[in-house]
Amino acid sequence: VLMIIHPAVDHASEQMAITTPALEIPDGLRAAALPVGAILMFLAAIARMASRASIRQVASAVAVVALIGAVLWISKPALVAMGNYNLIVFFVLLIGVCVAGGIPIAFAFGTATMAYLTLATGAPMMIVVSRMDEGMSSLILLSVPLFVLLGSLLEISGLARTLIDFMAALLGHVRGGLQYVLLGAMFLVSGISGSKAADMAAIAPALFP
């Protein structure tokens, strides 16, 4: 995350010269989501680490990461000389180490990609940021948080609880009734929202108790 903050800030500042055609605002305001998101992810990781790990565990984790980074940095000439075989080092060995260390698979691939671009190629880190920006710029992706918001509204308004109570009254007494209630509630909410993400946001909080 730290490696991407500076390129993300540069990308957002470059996009300020572009004006969006619909809203007629600087496009850098939209692109600023990348550095802001990276900073918030870093702060959230620090807060989570501070609440769940001891100082000794944090120190050992930092030492291990620093050791791996130092070994890769010292091996930079050898990695460049390996040619395409260095892909095995980054996208097999490094990803394996990250996954074995408990890093989520998406962040493991991101770490390997950024390490590869930094140590084995001369490509600027701006490429990663621009590709991320391009991948997240689709208007269709806006439907995901809006569907989750719809599911939350269904749950807050009490409609989801009413649907579950209705299904429980019909099927809750039979063997395996909870599964039937879940399926029936999902069918009913699906007709309202049309999104599985919204369905789970509406049904799960009411069913967990």
Protein backbone atom coordinates (compact mmCIF):
# COMPACT_ATOMS: atom_id res chain seq x y z
CA VAL A 1 0.00 0.00 0.00
CA LEU A 2 2.83 2.39 0.85
CA MET A 3 4.45 1.81 -2.55
CA ILE A 4 1.31 2.91 -4.38
CA ILE A 5 0.49 6.09 -2.45
CA HIS A 6 3.08 8.32 -4.13
CA PRO A 7 2.28 7.17 -7.72
CA ALA A 8 -1.44 7.50 -6.94
CA VAL A 9 -0.95 11.09 -5.78
CA ASP A 10 1.01 11.86 -8.97
CA HIS A 11 -1.71 10.26 -11.10
CA ALA A 12 -4.45 12.27 -9.38
CA SER A 13 -2.50 15.51 -9.82
CA GLU A 14 -2.00 14.80 -13.52
CA GLN A 15 -5.72 14.10 -13.96
CA MET A 16 -6.59 17.54 -12.54
CA ALA A 17 -5.87 19.02 -15.98
CA ILE A 18 -8.72 16.95 -17.50
CA THR A 19 -12.35 18.08 -17.17
CA THR A 20 -15.08 15.47 -17.08
CA PRO A 21 -17.61 15.93 -19.91
CA ALA A 22 -20.74 15.31 -17.85
CA LEU A 23 -20.11 17.08 -14.54
CA GLU A 24 -17.47 19.49 -15.86
CA ILE A 25 -15.27 19.03 -12.80
CA PRO A 26 -11.55 18.18 -12.71
CA ASP A 27 -11.04 14.45 -13.25
CA GLY A 28 -8.42 14.52 -10.53
CA LEU A 29 -11.21 14.67 -7.96
CA ARG A 30 -12.35 11.23 -9.14
CA ALA A 31 -8.79 9.92 -9.40
CA ALA A 32 -8.10 11.13 -5.85
CA ALA A 33 -10.04 8.09 -4.67
CA LEU A 34 -6.91 5.99 -5.29
CA PRO A 35 -4.50 7.80 -2.93
CA VAL A 36 -7.24 8.43 -0.37
CA GLY A 37 -8.24 4.76 -0.46
CA ALA A 38 -4.62 3.62 -0.17
CA ILE A 39 -4.04 5.87 2.84
CA LEU A 40 -7.25 4.68 4.52
CA MET A 41 -6.27 1.05 3.88
CA PHE A 42 -2.88 1.70 5.46
CA LEU A 43 -4.43 3.39 8.51
CA ALA A 44 -6.98 0.59 8.87
CA ALA A 45 -4.21 -2.00 8.72
CA ILE A 46 -2.22 -0.13 11.38
CA ALA A 47 -5.29 0.13 13.63
CA ARG A 48 -6.12 -3.55 13.20
CA MET A 49 -2.53 -4.54 13.86
CA ALA A 50 -2.38 -2.38 16.97
CA SER A 51 -5.56 -3.92 18.39
CA ARG A 52 -4.77 -7.57 17.67
CA ALA A 53 -0.99 -7.96 17.84
CA SER A 54 1.62 -7.39 20.51
CA ILE A 55 4.67 -5.21 20.03
CA ARG A 56 6.82 -8.32 19.72
CA GLN A 57 4.64 -9.76 16.96
CA VAL A 58 4.66 -6.44 15.09
CA ALA A 59 8.42 -6.16 15.39
CA SER A 60 8.94 -9.72 14.14
CA ALA A 61 6.58 -9.15 11.20
CA VAL A 62 8.35 -5.94 10.23
CA ALA A 63 11.70 -7.70 10.51
CA VAL A 64 10.58 -10.55 8.25
CA VAL A 65 9.20 -8.14 5.62
CA ALA A 66 12.37 -6.04 5.77
CA LEU A 67 14.53 -9.16 5.41
CA ILE A 68 12.60 -10.37 2.35
CA GLY A 69 12.72 -6.90 0.81
CA ALA A 70 16.45 -6.60 1.46
CA VAL A 71 17.15 -10.00 -0.08
CA LEU A 72 15.14 -9.11 -3.18
CA TRP A 73 16.83 -5.69 -3.47
CA ILE A 74 20.31 -7.19 -3.16
CA SER A 75 19.36 -9.85 -5.73
CA LYS A 76 18.12 -7.24 -8.21
CA PRO A 77 21.02 -7.68 -10.70
CA ALA A 78 20.62 -11.45 -10.60
CA LEU A 79 16.85 -11.17 -11.07
CA VAL A 80 17.28 -8.93 -14.10
CA ALA A 81 19.85 -11.33 -15.56
CA MET A 82 17.47 -14.29 -15.16
CA GLY A 83 15.18 -12.96 -17.89
CA ASN A 84 11.67 -14.36 -17.88
CA TYR A 85 12.62 -16.97 -15.29
CA ASN A 86 12.36 -14.28 -12.62
CA LEU A 87 8.58 -14.60 -13.00
CA ILE A 88 8.90 -17.85 -11.05
CA VAL A 89 10.56 -15.98 -8.19
CA PHE A 90 7.88 -13.31 -7.98
CA PHE A 91 4.68 -15.06 -9.06
CA VAL A 92 5.33 -18.49 -7.56
CA LEU A 93 7.74 -18.20 -4.65
CA LEU A 94 6.84 -14.70 -3.44
CA ILE A 95 3.09 -15.28 -3.78
CA GLY A 96 3.50 -18.62 -1.97
CA VAL A 97 5.31 -16.89 0.89
CA CYS A 98 2.64 -14.20 1.08
CA VAL A 99 -0.23 -16.71 1.10
CA ALA A 100 1.54 -18.87 3.67
CA GLY A 101 1.94 -15.75 5.80
CA GLY A 102 -1.80 -15.16 5.80
CA ILE A 103 -1.94 -12.31 3.29
CA PRO A 104 -5.18 -12.26 1.25
CA ILE A 105 -4.65 -13.56 -2.30
CA ALA A 106 -5.50 -10.23 -3.95
CA PHE A 107 -2.88 -8.38 -1.89
CA ALA A 108 -0.39 -11.21 -2.46
CA PHE A 109 -0.72 -10.78 -6.23
CA GLY A 110 -0.52 -7.00 -5.86
CA THR A 111 2.65 -7.28 -3.78
CA ALA A 112 4.25 -9.66 -6.29
CA THR A 113 3.31 -7.44 -9.24
CA MET A 114 4.67 -4.28 -7.68
CA ALA A 115 7.85 -6.03 -6.54
CA TYR A 116 8.33 -7.39 -10.07
CA LEU A 117 7.87 -3.98 -11.68
CA THR A 118 10.19 -2.33 -9.16
CA LEU A 119 13.03 -4.89 -9.12
CA ALA A 120 12.95 -6.69 -12.47
CA THR A 121 11.80 -4.02 -14.92
CA GLY A 122 12.27 -0.33 -15.56
CA ALA A 123 8.54 0.32 -15.85
CA PRO A 124 7.20 3.18 -13.71
CA MET A 125 4.77 2.43 -10.90
CA MET A 126 2.33 4.82 -12.57
CA ILE A 127 1.37 1.90 -14.84
CA VAL A 128 -0.14 0.02 -11.90
CA VAL A 129 -2.07 3.08 -10.75
CA SER A 130 -3.39 3.87 -14.22
CA ARG A 131 -4.51 0.27 -14.73
CA MET A 132 -6.26 0.31 -11.36
CA ASP A 133 -7.94 3.59 -12.26
CA GLU A 134 -9.05 2.20 -15.61
CA GLY A 135 -10.43 -0.95 -14.02
CA MET A 136 -12.43 0.96 -11.40
CA SER A 137 -13.74 3.70 -13.68
CA SER A 138 -16.63 1.67 -15.08
CA LEU A 139 -20.02 3.14 -14.21
CA ILE A 140 -21.43 -0.39 -13.92
CA LEU A 141 -19.38 -0.97 -10.76
CA LEU A 142 -21.39 1.76 -9.05
CA SER A 143 -24.30 -0.70 -8.88
CA VAL A 144 -22.50 -2.86 -6.28
CA PRO A 145 -22.47 -0.35 -3.38
CA LEU A 146 -25.92 0.91 -4.37
CA PHE A 147 -27.34 -2.63 -4.22
CA VAL A 148 -25.73 -3.13 -0.81
CA LEU A 149 -27.26 0.20 0.28
CA LEU A 150 -30.64 -1.05 -0.91
CA GLY A 151 -30.21 -4.23 1.13
CA SER A 152 -29.27 -2.19 4.19
CA LEU A 153 -32.39 -0.06 3.73
CA LEU A 154 -34.51 -3.20 3.52
CA GLU A 155 -32.98 -4.43 6.76
CA ILE A 156 -33.21 -1.07 8.58
CA SER A 157 -36.82 -0.50 7.54
CA GLY A 158 -37.84 -3.86 9.00
CA LEU A 159 -39.03 -5.31 5.69
CA ALA A 160 -36.40 -8.05 5.77
CA ARG A 161 -37.40 -9.07 9.31
CA THR A 162 -41.07 -9.16 8.26
CA LEU A 163 -40.26 -11.40 5.28
CA ILE A 164 -38.24 -13.74 7.48
CA ASP A 165 -40.98 -13.91 10.10
CA PHE A 166 -43.49 -14.70 7.36
CA MET A 167 -41.32 -17.51 5.97
CA ALA A 168 -40.61 -18.81 9.47
CA ALA A 169 -44.34 -18.99 10.16
CA LEU A 170 -44.82 -21.02 6.98
CA LEU A 171 -41.78 -23.29 7.00
CA GLY A 172 -39.92 -22.80 10.26
CA HIS A 173 -41.55 -25.76 12.00
CA VAL A 174 -40.45 -28.41 9.47
CA ARG A 175 -37.17 -30.30 9.67
CA GLY A 176 -34.37 -28.10 8.33
CA GLY A 177 -36.71 -25.14 8.48
CA LEU A 178 -33.93 -22.56 8.72
CA GLN A 179 -32.67 -23.48 5.27
CA TYR A 180 -36.16 -23.23 3.81
CA VAL A 181 -36.65 -19.86 5.50
CA LEU A 182 -33.34 -18.65 4.05
CA LEU A 183 -34.22 -19.82 0.53
CA GLY A 184 -37.72 -18.38 0.69
CA ALA A 185 -36.53 -15.03 2.02
CA MET A 186 -33.83 -14.89 -0.66
CA PHE A 187 -36.44 -15.55 -3.35
CA LEU A 188 -38.68 -12.79 -2.03
CA VAL A 189 -35.90 -10.23 -1.63
CA SER A 190 -34.47 -11.17 -5.03
CA GLY A 191 -37.71 -10.05 -6.60
CA ILE A 192 -37.31 -6.67 -4.94
CA SER A 193 -33.62 -5.90 -5.42
CA GLY A 194 -32.39 -8.16 -8.23
CA SER A 195 -28.92 -8.41 -6.64
CA LYS A 196 -27.41 -11.17 -4.50
CA ALA A 197 -25.20 -8.63 -2.73
CA ALA A 198 -28.31 -6.68 -1.68
CA ASP A 199 -30.07 -9.92 -0.71
CA MET A 200 -27.30 -10.92 1.66
CA ALA A 201 -27.07 -7.39 3.07
CA ALA A 202 -30.79 -7.55 3.86
CA ILE A 203 -31.22 -11.16 4.98
CA ALA A 204 -27.98 -11.99 6.80
CA PRO A 205 -28.29 -9.44 9.67
CA ALA A 206 -31.82 -10.65 10.39
CA LEU A 207 -30.97 -14.36 10.21
CA PHE A 208 -27.73 -14.36 12.24
CA PRO A 209 -29.49 -14.14 15.66
